[in-house]
Every structure is written in C-alpha cells, then in structure tokens.
Amino acid sequence: RYTWHRKGRPDPLAGIKGIKVRRTLHTGIKRNGKGRIGISTDEALGRRGSGPVYIELRSEELRPPAFRWANPFRGIVVQVTDMALMARYGDDRIAGLLTHMQHGKAIGDAEIKLRDAKGAVIWSGKSDHKGWFEAPGRRALAKAHKAPFVLWAHKGGDKAFLILDQSGDDGAYLS
C-alpha cells in the first residue's frame, strides 16, 4: 500500500474480485470530532442475510498531520450471524459446538467445513443433534496443510466462521 512511486495512496481494493458494494460515505463529522454512523449490511448480504462482511475505511483524517506516509486505512471483518461457533483446537482433534446465539439451543445437522490457508476444503462433516462435531487435530493437519485454518458452519441461510491460527496452544478455547 505504501510506496514512494505511487505516492503512498494506491487503491487497496483494485483487482479484488467479488466486491458487492463500494461507495463513498460522507460523515459530516469535523476533524477530531465524535460521531456514530450506522452502516447497513443489507447492501452486501441482502435483507436479513448472514455471513462475513469486510469493511474498510480510508480517510485522510486517519493520518497524523506530521506524518504524510501514515496509514490512512482501517479495516474490520464483521460476522453477521445467529450461530455461535466454538472450538477447542488441540494436537489430536478439534472439538466443536454450534449453538444459536439468540437462545443457546444446539444447531444439529449443520455442515461443518475446515479450510486451509489457501481456502481449500480439507475436512467436512456435520454437527450432531447436540451441536457437537469433531475434526482432525493439529498433528494430522500440519502434515499436509499450512495454518491458519478456518472452520465454517452453515445451515439454511446462516453461516459462521472461526479462525484457528494456532493460538490456544496452552489449552485455551477459541470462540
């Protein structure tokens, strides 16, 4: 993004396929001012849609006045879903649970897919009637695939994901 010959300001989205919405948003907020702006996800996901949305903000106001090469970008991935996807990512297995966020009930018979760093599906299965599922662990995956891994759950029109980036080596849970 930051090159001298491009004046440090190339379009970060140039060449990316699949962008559904791209527009300029004028906030009307003065420099160093505060404000709250709602951005509807309906434009990207459709009415009542679910899934991940990447939002990137580019503004000269994000640059400190004394440093013209500072980063004018901020980005965030927002997950719009009613699914709570939780997993214990260990050496021998990935043990997971899928529930509704709204009321905590299990989501059974959901498609579960594990993707490698390149996006290829390396394991697939289904959650049982209690929302539980098991996938191969770190040892088996590391033999043929490179981390990070992304766990995806899908049922009906709803989907959720969880990045397994090798954190949790100390036995911590990911959610």
Protein backbone atom coordinates (compact mmCIF):
# COMPACT_ATOMS: atom_id res chain seq x y z
CA ARG A 1 0.00 0.00 0.00
CA TYR A 2 2.74 2.46 0.84
CA THR A 3 5.16 3.03 -1.97
CA TRP A 4 7.10 6.13 -2.90
CA HIS A 5 6.42 5.88 -6.66
CA ARG A 6 2.66 5.62 -6.08
CA LYS A 7 2.63 8.50 -3.60
CA GLY A 8 1.62 6.02 -0.89
CA ARG A 9 -2.03 6.10 -1.91
CA PRO A 10 -2.94 3.25 -4.26
CA ASP A 11 -6.46 1.88 -4.24
CA PRO A 12 -6.34 -1.07 -1.79
CA LEU A 13 -9.35 -2.75 -3.42
CA ALA A 14 -8.11 -2.59 -7.02
CA GLY A 15 -8.08 -6.04 -8.58
CA ILE A 16 -10.11 -7.78 -5.86
CA LYS A 17 -12.99 -9.79 -7.31
CA GLY A 18 -16.34 -10.25 -5.62
CA ILE A 19 -16.79 -6.78 -4.15
CA LYS A 20 -20.52 -6.16 -3.92
CA VAL A 21 -20.63 -2.62 -2.56
CA ARG A 22 -18.18 0.18 -2.99
CA ARG A 23 -19.11 3.74 -2.22
CA THR A 24 -18.03 6.96 -0.63
CA LEU A 25 -19.58 7.83 2.69
CA HIS A 26 -19.53 11.46 3.78
CA THR A 27 -19.91 11.67 7.54
CA GLY A 28 -20.09 15.38 8.17
CA ILE A 29 -18.03 14.87 11.33
CA LYS A 30 -15.39 17.53 11.83
CA ARG A 31 -11.72 16.67 12.45
CA ASN A 32 -11.21 15.26 15.96
CA GLY A 33 -14.97 15.20 16.37
CA LYS A 34 -17.04 12.28 17.55
CA GLY A 35 -19.98 10.69 15.90
CA ARG A 36 -21.78 7.44 15.31
CA ILE A 37 -22.59 6.15 11.86
CA GLY A 38 -24.62 3.05 11.13
CA ILE A 39 -23.81 1.06 8.02
CA SER A 40 -26.44 -1.41 6.91
CA THR A 41 -25.17 -4.86 5.97
CA ASP A 42 -28.23 -5.32 3.71
CA GLU A 43 -26.31 -3.85 0.79
CA ALA A 44 -23.70 -6.62 0.94
CA LEU A 45 -25.74 -9.55 2.28
CA GLY A 46 -29.30 -8.82 1.21
CA ARG A 47 -32.23 -8.30 3.56
CA ARG A 48 -31.79 -10.47 6.64
CA GLY A 49 -28.69 -12.04 5.06
CA SER A 50 -25.84 -13.53 7.04
CA GLY A 51 -22.14 -14.08 6.60
CA PRO A 52 -18.88 -12.19 6.80
CA VAL A 53 -18.53 -8.60 5.62
CA TYR A 54 -15.22 -6.78 5.29
CA ILE A 55 -15.47 -3.04 5.86
CA GLU A 56 -12.53 -0.80 5.05
CA LEU A 57 -12.39 2.86 5.87
CA ARG A 58 -9.97 5.15 4.05
CA SER A 59 -9.71 8.72 5.19
CA GLU A 60 -7.02 11.36 5.23
CA GLU A 61 -8.22 12.26 8.74
CA LEU A 62 -6.79 8.95 9.97
CA ARG A 63 -3.30 10.20 9.11
CA PRO A 64 -1.45 12.22 11.77
CA PRO A 65 -0.76 15.72 10.37
CA ALA A 66 3.02 15.41 10.84
CA PHE A 67 3.38 12.09 9.00
CA ARG A 68 2.07 12.03 5.44
CA TRP A 69 3.01 8.35 4.91
CA ALA A 70 0.99 7.11 7.86
CA ASN A 71 -1.71 4.51 7.29
CA PRO A 72 -4.97 6.13 6.06
CA PHE A 73 -6.81 2.77 6.23
CA ARG A 74 -8.72 0.90 8.91
CA GLY A 75 -10.40 -2.41 8.24
CA ILE A 76 -12.59 -4.87 10.10
CA VAL A 77 -14.35 -8.16 9.35
CA VAL A 78 -17.88 -8.22 10.72
CA GLN A 79 -19.68 -11.53 11.14
CA VAL A 80 -23.46 -11.26 10.78
CA THR A 81 -24.94 -14.49 12.12
CA ASP A 82 -27.13 -16.17 14.74
CA MET A 83 -24.64 -19.04 15.03
CA ALA A 84 -22.20 -19.34 17.91
CA LEU A 85 -19.31 -21.48 16.71
CA MET A 86 -16.90 -22.60 19.44
CA ALA A 87 -13.94 -24.96 19.19
CA ARG A 88 -11.09 -26.49 21.18
CA TYR A 89 -8.17 -26.72 18.76
CA GLY A 90 -5.77 -29.35 20.06
CA ASP A 91 -2.98 -31.62 18.81
CA ASP A 92 -5.23 -34.66 18.38
CA ARG A 93 -8.59 -33.17 17.44
CA ILE A 94 -10.76 -30.14 17.00
CA ALA A 95 -13.80 -30.47 19.24
CA GLY A 96 -16.56 -28.01 18.41
CA LEU A 97 -20.02 -26.88 19.43
CA LEU A 98 -22.56 -24.96 17.37
CA THR A 99 -25.49 -23.16 19.02
CA HIS A 100 -27.92 -20.32 18.34
CA MET A 101 -26.66 -17.04 19.76
CA GLN A 102 -30.17 -15.80 20.47
CA HIS A 103 -31.31 -18.62 22.76
CA GLY A 104 -28.33 -21.01 23.13
CA LYS A 105 -30.03 -24.12 21.71
CA ALA A 106 -27.91 -26.58 19.77
CA ILE A 107 -27.78 -26.48 15.98
CA GLY A 108 -27.78 -30.04 14.70
CA ASP A 109 -27.19 -31.32 11.18
CA ALA A 110 -25.22 -28.22 10.13
CA GLU A 111 -22.48 -28.50 7.51
CA ILE A 112 -19.03 -28.03 9.02
CA LYS A 113 -16.02 -27.44 6.77
CA LEU A 114 -12.39 -26.86 7.61
CA ARG A 115 -10.38 -24.87 5.07
CA ASP A 116 -6.63 -24.39 4.82
CA ALA A 117 -4.74 -21.11 4.33
CA LYS A 118 -5.47 -21.19 0.60
CA GLY A 119 -9.21 -21.76 1.08
CA ALA A 120 -9.28 -25.42 0.03
CA VAL A 121 -11.67 -27.68 1.95
CA ILE A 122 -9.52 -30.18 3.87
CA TRP A 123 -12.22 -31.74 6.05
CA SER A 124 -16.01 -31.71 6.14
CA GLY A 125 -18.62 -33.14 8.44
CA LYS A 126 -21.87 -32.36 10.25
CA SER A 127 -22.85 -31.34 13.74
CA ASP A 128 -24.84 -33.92 15.70
CA HIS A 129 -28.25 -33.30 17.31
CA LYS A 130 -26.49 -31.67 20.31
CA GLY A 131 -24.48 -29.32 18.07
CA TRP A 132 -21.19 -31.20 18.63
CA PHE A 133 -18.64 -32.13 15.98
CA GLU A 134 -15.05 -33.41 15.81
CA ALA A 135 -12.37 -32.80 13.17
CA PRO A 136 -8.72 -33.85 12.86
CA GLY A 137 -6.29 -32.04 15.14
CA ARG A 138 -3.13 -30.03 14.67
CA ARG A 139 -0.78 -33.02 14.16
CA ALA A 140 -2.79 -34.57 11.36
CA LEU A 141 -3.46 -31.25 9.64
CA ALA A 142 0.13 -29.98 9.79
CA LYS A 143 1.39 -32.96 7.77
CA ALA A 144 -0.29 -31.78 4.58
CA HIS A 145 -1.59 -28.25 5.14
CA LYS A 146 -0.38 -24.91 6.33
CA ALA A 147 -2.10 -22.91 9.09
CA PRO A 148 -4.07 -20.81 9.70
CA PHE A 149 -7.20 -22.87 9.24
CA VAL A 150 -10.75 -21.55 9.05
CA LEU A 151 -13.68 -23.52 10.41
CA TRP A 152 -17.00 -22.79 8.67
CA ALA A 153 -20.51 -23.75 9.79
CA HIS A 154 -23.52 -23.50 7.51
CA LYS A 155 -27.19 -24.35 7.90
CA GLY A 156 -30.05 -22.92 5.91
CA GLY A 157 -29.24 -19.32 5.08
CA ASP A 158 -26.98 -18.79 8.09
CA LYS A 159 -23.22 -19.24 8.26
CA ALA A 160 -20.39 -18.53 10.67
CA PHE A 161 -16.62 -18.93 10.73
CA LEU A 162 -13.83 -19.27 13.26
CA ILE A 163 -10.15 -18.72 12.51
CA LEU A 164 -7.84 -21.35 14.00
CA ASP A 165 -4.49 -19.57 13.95
CA GLN A 166 -2.58 -21.91 16.28
CA SER A 167 -3.43 -19.82 19.32
CA GLY A 168 -4.80 -21.86 22.16
CA ASP A 169 -1.64 -24.00 22.32
CA ASP A 170 -1.90 -23.69 26.10
CA GLY A 171 -5.28 -25.43 26.04
CA ALA A 172 -7.34 -22.26 25.71
CA TYR A 173 -10.66 -22.38 23.96
CA LEU A 174 -11.46 -20.36 20.87
CA SER A 175 -14.80 -18.76 20.11
